[in-house]
Amino acid sequence: MKQEQFERLQALHEKLVDVFLDEADPDKWPGQGIALASMDAQTRGDRYWSKKNAVATIALTQRIQTLVTVVRVQTSGDDPENPAAVVDPQDDLDRQVADAEREASQLLANLQRPGAKAAFDKRVHGKA
């Protein structure tokens, strides 16, 4: 995960907590102040939906918090605000280049074996 993604994830978590606090306020639910027995089916349904929506928002918030926590658990001991799971894009590119070079050298080594090129050509091009 890139540092920018990690920071955006934390900002999203904070925004969702604010949304949850707004959605979970019973004073804002439909039918506020009306006895349950006096509510019509539409109002009861809307009230139930409002509660479910708040629960879904907090569930999403918890999952994001779990992800943030997992990233922080992998934190380097030197800087707790710089999680080890957050990678520098340049480091990722260097790793990909190293992997590609390693694979290319293995392919070259395989082709340099006696008879390997002929077997390769036969497999790829159908040559005899």
C-alpha atoms as a PDB file:
ATOM      1  CA  MET A   1       0.000   0.000   0.000  1.00  0.00           C
ATOM      2  CA  LYS A   2       1.303   3.426  -0.904  1.00  0.00           C
ATOM      3  CA  GLN A   3       1.622   6.159   1.711  1.00  0.00           C
ATOM      4  CA  GLU A   4      -0.963   8.286  -0.118  1.00  0.00           C
ATOM      5  CA  GLN A   5      -3.464   5.388  -0.098  1.00  0.00           C
ATOM      6  CA  PHE A   6      -2.887   4.801   3.598  1.00  0.00           C
ATOM      7  CA  GLU A   7      -3.526   8.468   4.385  1.00  0.00           C
ATOM      8  CA  ARG A   8      -6.680   8.501   2.219  1.00  0.00           C
ATOM      9  CA  LEU A   9      -7.909   5.397   4.030  1.00  0.00           C
ATOM     10  CA  GLN A  10      -7.454   7.101   7.393  1.00  0.00           C
ATOM     11  CA  ALA A  11      -9.275  10.231   6.152  1.00  0.00           C
ATOM     12  CA  LEU A  12     -12.138   8.091   4.819  1.00  0.00           C
ATOM     13  CA  HIS A  13     -12.405   6.369   8.201  1.00  0.00           C
ATOM     14  CA  GLU A  14     -12.773   9.715   9.960  1.00  0.00           C
ATOM     15  CA  LYS A  15     -15.404  10.910   7.474  1.00  0.00           C
ATOM     16  CA  LEU A  16     -17.415   7.714   7.888  1.00  0.00           C
ATOM     17  CA  VAL A  17     -17.366   8.033  11.676  1.00  0.00           C
ATOM     18  CA  ASP A  18     -18.892  11.516  11.283  1.00  0.00           C
ATOM     19  CA  VAL A  19     -21.534  10.105   8.912  1.00  0.00           C
ATOM     20  CA  PHE A  20     -22.309   7.304  11.380  1.00  0.00           C
ATOM     21  CA  LEU A  21     -22.755   9.752  14.247  1.00  0.00           C
ATOM     22  CA  ASP A  22     -25.237  11.701  12.133  1.00  0.00           C
ATOM     23  CA  GLU A  23     -27.128   8.593  10.945  1.00  0.00           C
ATOM     24  CA  ALA A  24     -27.256   7.010  14.419  1.00  0.00           C
ATOM     25  CA  ASP A  25     -28.926  10.021  16.032  1.00  0.00           C
ATOM     26  CA  PRO A  26     -32.438   8.790  16.971  1.00  0.00           C
ATOM     27  CA  ASP A  27     -33.745  12.351  16.931  1.00  0.00           C
ATOM     28  CA  LYS A  28     -33.257  12.352  13.145  1.00  0.00           C
ATOM     29  CA  TRP A  29     -35.043   9.050  12.469  1.00  0.00           C
ATOM     30  CA  PRO A  30     -38.520   9.050  10.941  1.00  0.00           C
ATOM     31  CA  GLY A  31     -41.310   8.851  13.495  1.00  0.00           C
ATOM     32  CA  GLN A  32     -39.287  10.481  16.261  1.00  0.00           C
ATOM     33  CA  GLY A  33     -41.517  11.147  19.248  1.00  0.00           C
ATOM     34  CA  ILE A  34     -44.313   8.895  17.986  1.00  0.00           C
ATOM     35  CA  ALA A  35     -45.182   5.717  19.900  1.00  0.00           C
ATOM     36  CA  LEU A  36     -44.372   2.578  17.936  1.00  0.00           C
ATOM     37  CA  ALA A  37     -47.994   1.420  18.103  1.00  0.00           C
ATOM     38  CA  SER A  38     -49.119   4.716  16.555  1.00  0.00           C
ATOM     39  CA  MET A  39     -46.738   4.560  13.551  1.00  0.00           C
ATOM     40  CA  ASP A  40     -47.946   3.491  10.155  1.00  0.00           C
ATOM     41  CA  ALA A  41     -46.107   0.779   8.223  1.00  0.00           C
ATOM     42  CA  GLN A  42     -44.250   3.275   6.016  1.00  0.00           C
ATOM     43  CA  THR A  43     -42.865   5.211   9.003  1.00  0.00           C
ATOM     44  CA  ARG A  44     -41.840   2.003  10.800  1.00  0.00           C
ATOM     45  CA  GLY A  45     -40.111   0.793   7.623  1.00  0.00           C
ATOM     46  CA  ASP A  46     -38.316   4.089   7.131  1.00  0.00           C
ATOM     47  CA  ARG A  47     -37.218   4.074  10.774  1.00  0.00           C
ATOM     48  CA  TYR A  48     -35.948   0.498  10.443  1.00  0.00           C
ATOM     49  CA  TRP A  49     -34.098   1.395   7.232  1.00  0.00           C
ATOM     50  CA  SER A  50     -32.465   4.369   8.967  1.00  0.00           C
ATOM     51  CA  LYS A  51     -31.185   2.084  11.719  1.00  0.00           C
ATOM     52  CA  LYS A  52     -29.886  -0.487   9.203  1.00  0.00           C
ATOM     53  CA  ASN A  53     -28.109   2.233   7.257  1.00  0.00           C
ATOM     54  CA  ALA A  54     -26.331   3.443  10.401  1.00  0.00           C
ATOM     55  CA  VAL A  55     -25.309  -0.146  11.202  1.00  0.00           C
ATOM     56  CA  ALA A  56     -23.969  -0.625   7.660  1.00  0.00           C
ATOM     57  CA  THR A  57     -21.951   2.592   7.947  1.00  0.00           C
ATOM     58  CA  ILE A  58     -20.353   1.544  11.238  1.00  0.00           C
ATOM     59  CA  ALA A  59     -19.631  -1.927   9.816  1.00  0.00           C
ATOM     60  CA  LEU A  60     -17.779  -0.313   6.906  1.00  0.00           C
ATOM     61  CA  THR A  61     -15.950   1.931   9.360  1.00  0.00           C
ATOM     62  CA  GLN A  62     -14.892  -1.092  11.413  1.00  0.00           C
ATOM     63  CA  ARG A  63     -13.561  -2.890   8.341  1.00  0.00           C
ATOM     64  CA  ILE A  64     -11.540   0.141   7.328  1.00  0.00           C
ATOM     65  CA  GLN A  65     -10.214   0.420  10.899  1.00  0.00           C
ATOM     66  CA  THR A  66      -9.218  -3.248  10.781  1.00  0.00           C
ATOM     67  CA  LEU A  67      -7.294  -2.629   7.568  1.00  0.00           C
ATOM     68  CA  VAL A  68      -5.578   0.429   9.066  1.00  0.00           C
ATOM     69  CA  THR A  69      -4.690  -1.607  12.159  1.00  0.00           C
ATOM     70  CA  VAL A  70      -3.229  -4.434  10.069  1.00  0.00           C
ATOM     71  CA  VAL A  71      -1.049  -1.937   8.238  1.00  0.00           C
ATOM     72  CA  ARG A  72       0.037  -0.350  11.530  1.00  0.00           C
ATOM     73  CA  VAL A  73       0.886  -3.723  13.090  1.00  0.00           C
ATOM     74  CA  GLN A  74       3.443  -4.106  10.344  1.00  0.00           C
ATOM     75  CA  THR A  75       4.971  -0.795  11.405  1.00  0.00           C
ATOM     76  CA  SER A  76       8.684  -0.475  11.607  1.00  0.00           C
ATOM     77  CA  GLY A  77       9.942   0.077  15.144  1.00  0.00           C
ATOM     78  CA  ASP A  78      11.683   3.330  14.225  1.00  0.00           C
ATOM     79  CA  ASP A  79       8.712   5.381  13.078  1.00  0.00           C
ATOM     80  CA  PRO A  80       5.226   4.303  14.221  1.00  0.00           C
ATOM     81  CA  GLU A  81       3.598   6.835  11.893  1.00  0.00           C
ATOM     82  CA  ASN A  82       5.315   5.293   8.842  1.00  0.00           C
ATOM     83  CA  PRO A  83       3.902   1.778   8.493  1.00  0.00           C
ATOM     84  CA  ALA A  84       6.200  -0.803   6.942  1.00  0.00           C
ATOM     85  CA  ALA A  85       3.328  -2.076   4.785  1.00  0.00           C
ATOM     86  CA  VAL A  86       3.222   1.326   3.121  1.00  0.00           C
ATOM     87  CA  VAL A  87       5.672   1.138   0.275  1.00  0.00           C
ATOM     88  CA  ASP A  88       7.507   3.741  -1.692  1.00  0.00           C
ATOM     89  CA  PRO A  89       6.520   3.414  -5.384  1.00  0.00           C
ATOM     90  CA  GLN A  90      10.210   3.548  -6.356  1.00  0.00           C
ATOM     91  CA  ASP A  91      10.973   0.552  -4.120  1.00  0.00           C
ATOM     92  CA  ASP A  92       8.134  -1.385  -5.755  1.00  0.00           C
ATOM     93  CA  LEU A  93       9.470  -0.524  -9.217  1.00  0.00           C
ATOM     94  CA  ASP A  94      12.994  -1.609  -8.221  1.00  0.00           C
ATOM     95  CA  ARG A  95      11.592  -4.935  -6.978  1.00  0.00           C
ATOM     96  CA  GLN A  96       9.695  -5.484 -10.236  1.00  0.00           C
ATOM     97  CA  VAL A  97      12.821  -4.742 -12.289  1.00  0.00           C
ATOM     98  CA  ALA A  98      14.871  -7.156 -10.174  1.00  0.00           C
ATOM     99  CA  ASP A  99      12.213  -9.866 -10.600  1.00  0.00           C
ATOM    100  CA  ALA A 100      12.133  -9.347 -14.382  1.00  0.00           C
ATOM    101  CA  GLU A 101      15.939  -9.496 -14.603  1.00  0.00           C
ATOM    102  CA  ARG A 102      15.993 -12.705 -12.559  1.00  0.00           C
ATOM    103  CA  GLU A 103      13.363 -14.303 -14.806  1.00  0.00           C
ATOM    104  CA  ALA A 104      15.206 -13.211 -17.961  1.00  0.00           C
ATOM    105  CA  SER A 105      18.481 -14.701 -16.735  1.00  0.00           C
ATOM    106  CA  GLN A 106      16.714 -17.993 -15.958  1.00  0.00           C
ATOM    107  CA  LEU A 107      15.229 -18.073 -19.462  1.00  0.00           C
ATOM    108  CA  LEU A 108      18.649 -17.368 -21.005  1.00  0.00           C
ATOM    109  CA  ALA A 109      20.252 -20.089 -18.904  1.00  0.00           C
ATOM    110  CA  ASN A 110      17.583 -22.553 -20.025  1.00  0.00           C
ATOM    111  CA  LEU A 111      18.043 -21.633 -23.698  1.00  0.00           C
ATOM    112  CA  GLN A 112      21.826 -22.040 -23.470  1.00  0.00           C
ATOM    113  CA  ARG A 113      21.563 -25.678 -22.468  1.00  0.00           C
ATOM    114  CA  PRO A 114      22.359 -28.100 -25.297  1.00  0.00           C
ATOM    115  CA  GLY A 115      19.228 -28.888 -27.282  1.00  0.00           C
ATOM    116  CA  ALA A 116      17.124 -26.373 -25.365  1.00  0.00           C
ATOM    117  CA  LYS A 117      16.756 -23.955 -28.288  1.00  0.00           C
ATOM    118  CA  ALA A 118      15.630 -26.733 -30.616  1.00  0.00           C
ATOM    119  CA  ALA A 119      13.078 -27.922 -28.067  1.00  0.00           C
ATOM    120  CA  PHE A 120      11.891 -24.345 -27.553  1.00  0.00           C
ATOM    121  CA  ASP A 121      11.496 -23.747 -31.293  1.00  0.00           C
ATOM    122  CA  LYS A 122       9.620 -27.002 -31.682  1.00  0.00           C
ATOM    123  CA  ARG A 123       7.256 -26.090 -28.866  1.00  0.00           C
ATOM    124  CA  VAL A 124       6.636 -22.521 -29.947  1.00  0.00           C
ATOM    125  CA  HIS A 125       6.805 -22.678 -33.725  1.00  0.00           C
ATOM    126  CA  GLY A 126       6.040 -26.323 -34.434  1.00  0.00           C
ATOM    127  CA  LYS A 127       9.404 -26.776 -36.156  1.00  0.00           C
ATOM    128  CA  ALA A 128      10.832 -30.240 -36.414  1.00  0.00           C
END
